[in-house]
N, C-alpha and C. Protein backbone atom coordinates (compact mmCIF):
# COMPACT_ATOMS: atom_id res chain seq x y z
N UNK A 1 98.08 -150.10 98.96
CA UNK A 1 99.19 -148.92 98.75
C UNK A 1 99.26 -147.65 97.52
N UNK A 2 98.43 -146.52 97.57
CA UNK A 2 98.18 -146.54 96.30
C UNK A 2 98.81 -146.04 95.29
N UNK A 3 98.75 -145.52 94.08
CA UNK A 3 99.55 -145.27 92.97
C UNK A 3 100.81 -144.37 93.63
N UNK A 4 100.28 -143.01 94.41
CA UNK A 4 100.88 -141.32 95.15
C UNK A 4 101.66 -141.48 95.77
N UNK A 5 101.22 -142.30 96.28
CA UNK A 5 101.79 -142.89 97.85
C UNK A 5 102.84 -143.47 97.70
N UNK A 6 102.80 -144.79 96.25
CA UNK A 6 104.09 -145.13 95.77
C UNK A 6 105.10 -144.42 94.93
N UNK A 7 104.41 -143.18 94.57
CA UNK A 7 105.71 -142.32 93.71
C UNK A 7 106.44 -141.65 94.75
N UNK A 8 105.81 -140.76 95.76
CA UNK A 8 106.04 -140.81 97.24
C UNK A 8 107.62 -140.89 97.47
N UNK A 9 106.84 -142.27 97.47
CA UNK A 9 107.84 -143.61 98.12
C UNK A 9 109.36 -143.05 97.70
N UNK A 10 108.82 -143.67 95.71
CA UNK A 10 109.97 -143.80 95.35
C UNK A 10 110.90 -142.68 95.55
N UNK A 11 110.15 -141.44 95.46
CA UNK A 11 111.25 -139.97 95.26
C UNK A 11 112.16 -140.36 96.22
N UNK A 12 111.13 -140.60 97.72
CA UNK A 12 112.11 -139.78 99.23
C UNK A 12 113.36 -141.33 98.46
N UNK A 13 112.95 -142.52 98.51
CA UNK A 13 114.30 -143.61 98.55
C UNK A 13 114.87 -142.58 97.57
N UNK A 14 115.03 -142.73 96.12
CA UNK A 14 116.11 -141.97 95.57
C UNK A 14 116.59 -140.68 95.12
N UNK A 15 116.16 -140.34 96.97
CA UNK A 15 117.13 -139.01 97.53
C UNK A 15 117.81 -139.92 98.41
N UNK A 16 117.89 -140.81 98.50
CA UNK A 16 119.00 -141.44 99.48
C UNK A 16 120.40 -142.40 98.50
N UNK A 17 121.64 -141.62 98.43
CA UNK A 17 122.25 -141.46 98.11
C UNK A 17 123.31 -142.94 98.41
N UNK A 18 122.58 -143.58 99.30
CA UNK A 18 123.30 -145.15 99.81
C UNK A 18 122.15 -146.15 99.37
N UNK A 19 121.72 -146.09 97.34
CA UNK A 19 121.00 -147.57 97.91
C UNK A 19 121.97 -148.19 96.64
N UNK A 20 122.12 -149.67 96.54
CA UNK A 20 122.05 -150.58 95.79
C UNK A 20 121.72 -150.59 94.38
N UNK A 21 122.39 -150.70 93.27
CA UNK A 21 122.20 -150.13 92.10
C UNK A 21 120.50 -151.38 91.78
N UNK A 22 120.46 -152.77 92.61
CA UNK A 22 119.46 -153.32 92.69
C UNK A 22 117.78 -152.03 93.26
N UNK A 23 118.55 -151.37 94.17
CA UNK A 23 117.55 -151.25 94.96
C UNK A 23 117.16 -149.41 94.04
N UNK A 24 117.68 -149.42 93.47
CA UNK A 24 117.66 -147.60 92.49
C UNK A 24 116.46 -148.06 91.26
N UNK A 25 117.13 -149.84 90.97
CA UNK A 25 116.24 -149.95 89.80
C UNK A 25 114.38 -150.11 90.82
N UNK A 26 114.65 -150.50 92.02
CA UNK A 26 113.38 -150.86 92.25
C UNK A 26 112.60 -149.19 92.56
N UNK A 27 113.27 -148.63 93.74
CA UNK A 27 112.69 -147.12 93.36
C UNK A 27 112.59 -146.68 92.35
N UNK A 28 113.04 -146.51 90.74
CA UNK A 28 113.12 -146.13 90.08
C UNK A 28 111.23 -146.66 89.16
N UNK A 29 111.33 -148.03 89.05
CA UNK A 29 110.27 -148.79 88.77
C UNK A 29 108.52 -147.91 89.43
N UNK A 30 109.29 -148.05 90.58
CA UNK A 30 107.75 -147.80 91.59
C UNK A 30 107.72 -146.19 91.16
N UNK A 31 108.43 -144.92 90.77
CA UNK A 31 108.45 -144.04 90.40
C UNK A 31 107.70 -143.37 89.44
N UNK A 32 107.99 -145.36 88.10
CA UNK A 32 107.32 -144.95 87.14
C UNK A 32 106.11 -145.33 87.08
N UNK A 33 105.27 -146.08 88.17
CA UNK A 33 104.02 -146.42 88.13
C UNK A 33 104.21 -147.71 88.11
N UNK A 34 105.49 -148.82 88.03
CA UNK A 34 105.03 -149.89 87.38
C UNK A 34 104.66 -150.76 88.87
N UNK A 35 103.74 -152.22 88.93
CA UNK A 35 102.73 -152.63 90.23
C UNK A 35 104.28 -153.49 90.25
N UNK A 36 105.00 -153.20 91.35
CA UNK A 36 105.67 -154.67 91.43
C UNK A 36 105.64 -155.35 92.11
N UNK A 37 104.27 -155.12 93.40
CA UNK A 37 103.56 -156.19 94.00
C UNK A 37 103.55 -157.46 92.70
N UNK A 38 102.59 -157.02 91.62
CA UNK A 38 102.39 -158.14 90.14
C UNK A 38 104.01 -158.42 90.02
N UNK A 39 104.82 -157.86 90.01
CA UNK A 39 106.09 -158.50 89.54
C UNK A 39 106.74 -159.40 90.47
N UNK A 40 106.01 -159.75 91.85
CA UNK A 40 106.38 -160.92 92.44
C UNK A 40 105.98 -162.12 92.70
N UNK A 41 104.87 -161.97 91.17
CA UNK A 41 103.93 -163.36 91.44
C UNK A 41 104.57 -163.83 90.64
N UNK A 42 104.66 -165.99 90.64
CA UNK A 42 105.68 -166.18 89.90
C UNK A 42 104.83 -166.57 88.23
N UNK A 43 104.02 -166.53 88.13
CA UNK A 43 102.79 -166.88 87.12
C UNK A 43 103.31 -165.82 86.51
N UNK A 44 103.67 -164.74 87.03
CA UNK A 44 103.33 -163.25 85.47
C UNK A 44 104.17 -163.87 85.32
N UNK A 45 104.98 -163.95 85.79
CA UNK A 45 106.71 -163.71 85.55
C UNK A 45 107.08 -164.90 83.90
N UNK A 46 106.41 -165.89 84.19
CA UNK A 46 106.20 -166.74 83.66
C UNK A 46 106.03 -166.79 81.91
N UNK A 47 105.09 -165.97 82.78
CA UNK A 47 103.43 -166.00 81.45
C UNK A 47 104.02 -165.20 79.88
N UNK A 48 105.28 -163.96 80.94
CA UNK A 48 106.06 -163.42 79.37
C UNK A 48 107.17 -164.21 78.96
N UNK A 49 107.09 -164.94 78.95
CA UNK A 49 108.60 -166.59 78.80
C UNK A 49 107.49 -166.81 76.94
N UNK A 50 108.91 -166.84 75.91
CA UNK A 50 108.51 -167.28 74.61
C UNK A 50 108.46 -169.23 75.13
N UNK A 51 107.31 -169.65 74.14
CA UNK A 51 107.30 -171.03 73.93
C UNK A 51 108.57 -171.56 74.04
N UNK A 52 109.70 -171.38 73.19
CA UNK A 52 110.41 -172.43 72.52
C UNK A 52 111.14 -172.17 74.36
N UNK A 53 111.56 -171.25 75.11
CA UNK A 53 112.16 -171.02 75.87
C UNK A 53 111.40 -171.68 77.47
N UNK A 54 110.26 -171.34 77.39
CA UNK A 54 109.18 -171.94 78.22
C UNK A 54 109.43 -173.45 78.44
N UNK A 55 109.30 -173.95 77.26
CA UNK A 55 109.79 -176.25 77.23
C UNK A 55 110.96 -176.31 76.94
N UNK A 56 112.12 -175.23 77.13
CA UNK A 56 113.64 -175.48 77.39
C UNK A 56 113.50 -175.81 78.87
N UNK A 57 113.14 -174.76 79.66
CA UNK A 57 112.81 -174.95 81.22
C UNK A 57 112.23 -175.96 81.56
N UNK A 58 110.54 -176.27 81.24
CA UNK A 58 110.06 -177.59 81.75
C UNK A 58 110.63 -178.64 81.43
N UNK A 59 111.36 -178.67 80.28
CA UNK A 59 111.88 -180.53 80.07
C UNK A 59 113.45 -180.49 80.90
N UNK A 60 113.98 -179.00 81.79
CA UNK A 60 114.68 -179.03 82.70
C UNK A 60 116.39 -179.51 81.78
N UNK A 61 115.77 -178.73 79.75
CA UNK A 61 117.20 -178.19 79.24
C UNK A 61 118.37 -176.88 80.11
N UNK A 62 116.89 -176.81 80.25
CA UNK A 62 117.86 -175.36 80.84
C UNK A 62 117.96 -174.99 82.53
N UNK A 63 118.64 -175.09 83.38
CA UNK A 63 118.66 -174.60 84.55
C UNK A 63 118.72 -173.21 84.97
N UNK A 64 116.89 -173.30 85.74
CA UNK A 64 117.02 -172.06 85.91
C UNK A 64 117.28 -171.42 87.50
N UNK A 65 117.21 -172.41 88.57
CA UNK A 65 118.63 -172.29 89.33
C UNK A 65 119.54 -171.44 89.24
N UNK A 66 120.19 -171.79 87.99
CA UNK A 66 121.79 -171.56 87.95
C UNK A 66 121.78 -170.20 87.25
N UNK A 67 120.19 -170.30 86.35
CA UNK A 67 120.21 -168.20 85.67
C UNK A 67 120.15 -167.56 86.55
N UNK A 68 119.46 -167.83 87.91
CA UNK A 68 118.59 -167.21 88.79
C UNK A 68 119.94 -166.83 89.60
N UNK A 69 120.71 -167.63 90.38
CA UNK A 69 121.79 -167.21 90.95
C UNK A 69 122.99 -166.24 90.08
N UNK A 70 123.32 -166.43 88.79
CA UNK A 70 124.02 -166.16 88.33
C UNK A 70 123.55 -164.53 88.27
N UNK A 71 122.02 -164.35 87.69
CA UNK A 71 121.44 -162.61 87.51
C UNK A 71 121.76 -161.97 89.31
N UNK A 72 121.45 -163.11 90.28
CA UNK A 72 121.52 -161.96 91.27
C UNK A 72 122.72 -162.18 91.19
N UNK A 73 124.08 -162.74 91.64
CA UNK A 73 125.79 -162.36 91.51
C UNK A 73 125.57 -161.00 90.90
N UNK A 74 124.96 -160.73 89.12
CA UNK A 74 125.42 -159.91 88.72
C UNK A 74 124.68 -158.48 88.57
N UNK A 75 123.85 -158.60 89.49
CA UNK A 75 123.70 -157.02 90.72
C UNK A 75 123.63 -157.14 91.78
N UNK A 76 124.74 -157.99 92.03
CA UNK A 76 125.40 -157.22 93.68
C UNK A 76 124.57 -157.90 94.43
N UNK A 77 123.55 -159.13 94.55
CA UNK A 77 123.09 -160.01 95.71
C UNK A 77 123.22 -160.96 95.84
N UNK A 78 123.13 -161.64 96.92
CA UNK A 78 123.39 -162.81 97.70
C UNK A 78 122.13 -163.25 97.99
N UNK A 79 121.72 -164.20 98.17
CA UNK A 79 120.85 -165.28 98.12
C UNK A 79 119.75 -165.41 98.79
N UNK A 80 119.47 -163.55 99.46
CA UNK A 80 118.54 -163.40 99.83
C UNK A 80 118.16 -162.41 99.33
N UNK A 81 119.24 -161.07 98.71
CA UNK A 81 118.84 -160.23 98.07
C UNK A 81 119.24 -159.85 98.57
N UNK A 82 119.86 -159.30 99.37
CA UNK A 82 120.77 -158.93 100.27
C UNK A 82 121.87 -157.99 99.50
N UNK A 83 121.86 -156.40 99.25
CA UNK A 83 123.73 -156.13 98.34
C UNK A 83 124.93 -156.45 99.09
N UNK A 84 125.68 -157.06 98.14
CA UNK A 84 126.95 -157.64 98.77
C UNK A 84 128.19 -156.98 97.49
N UNK A 85 127.95 -156.74 96.63
CA UNK A 85 128.37 -156.09 95.65
C UNK A 85 129.29 -154.58 96.38
N UNK A 86 129.74 -153.88 95.10
CA UNK A 86 130.77 -152.49 95.66
C UNK A 86 129.52 -151.20 95.42
N UNK A 87 129.65 -150.99 96.54
CA UNK A 87 129.41 -149.19 96.28
C UNK A 87 129.90 -148.69 95.87
N UNK A 88 128.33 -148.11 94.93
CA UNK A 88 128.37 -146.69 93.74
C UNK A 88 129.36 -145.96 94.33
N UNK A 89 130.25 -144.88 93.31
CA UNK A 89 130.92 -143.99 93.92
C UNK A 89 130.07 -142.49 93.40
C-alpha cells in the first residue's frame, strides 16, 4: 500500500466517530506515515529495548505475558485485540 493511500485510509478512519482509543491511535499513526507493518515484526519491537531490560526479559525476571495482558487491559482490549472498554463520549 502506498504512503498516499495509507494517509487517505487514515483520514477516512479518523472521520468515523465510533473508534476505540486504540483504533484512533492506529489511524493517527497511519496519518503520520508510521509504518505499522514494520511495527508488527517482533524482532523490531525488541531491538529498541534497553539492554538491562532485555536481559531481565531473557532471564525470566520480568513476565512479558503479564505485562502484555496488563497493557491490553489498559487499552481497553481483550486477548484478541478487540475493543471491550467503554465507548468514549
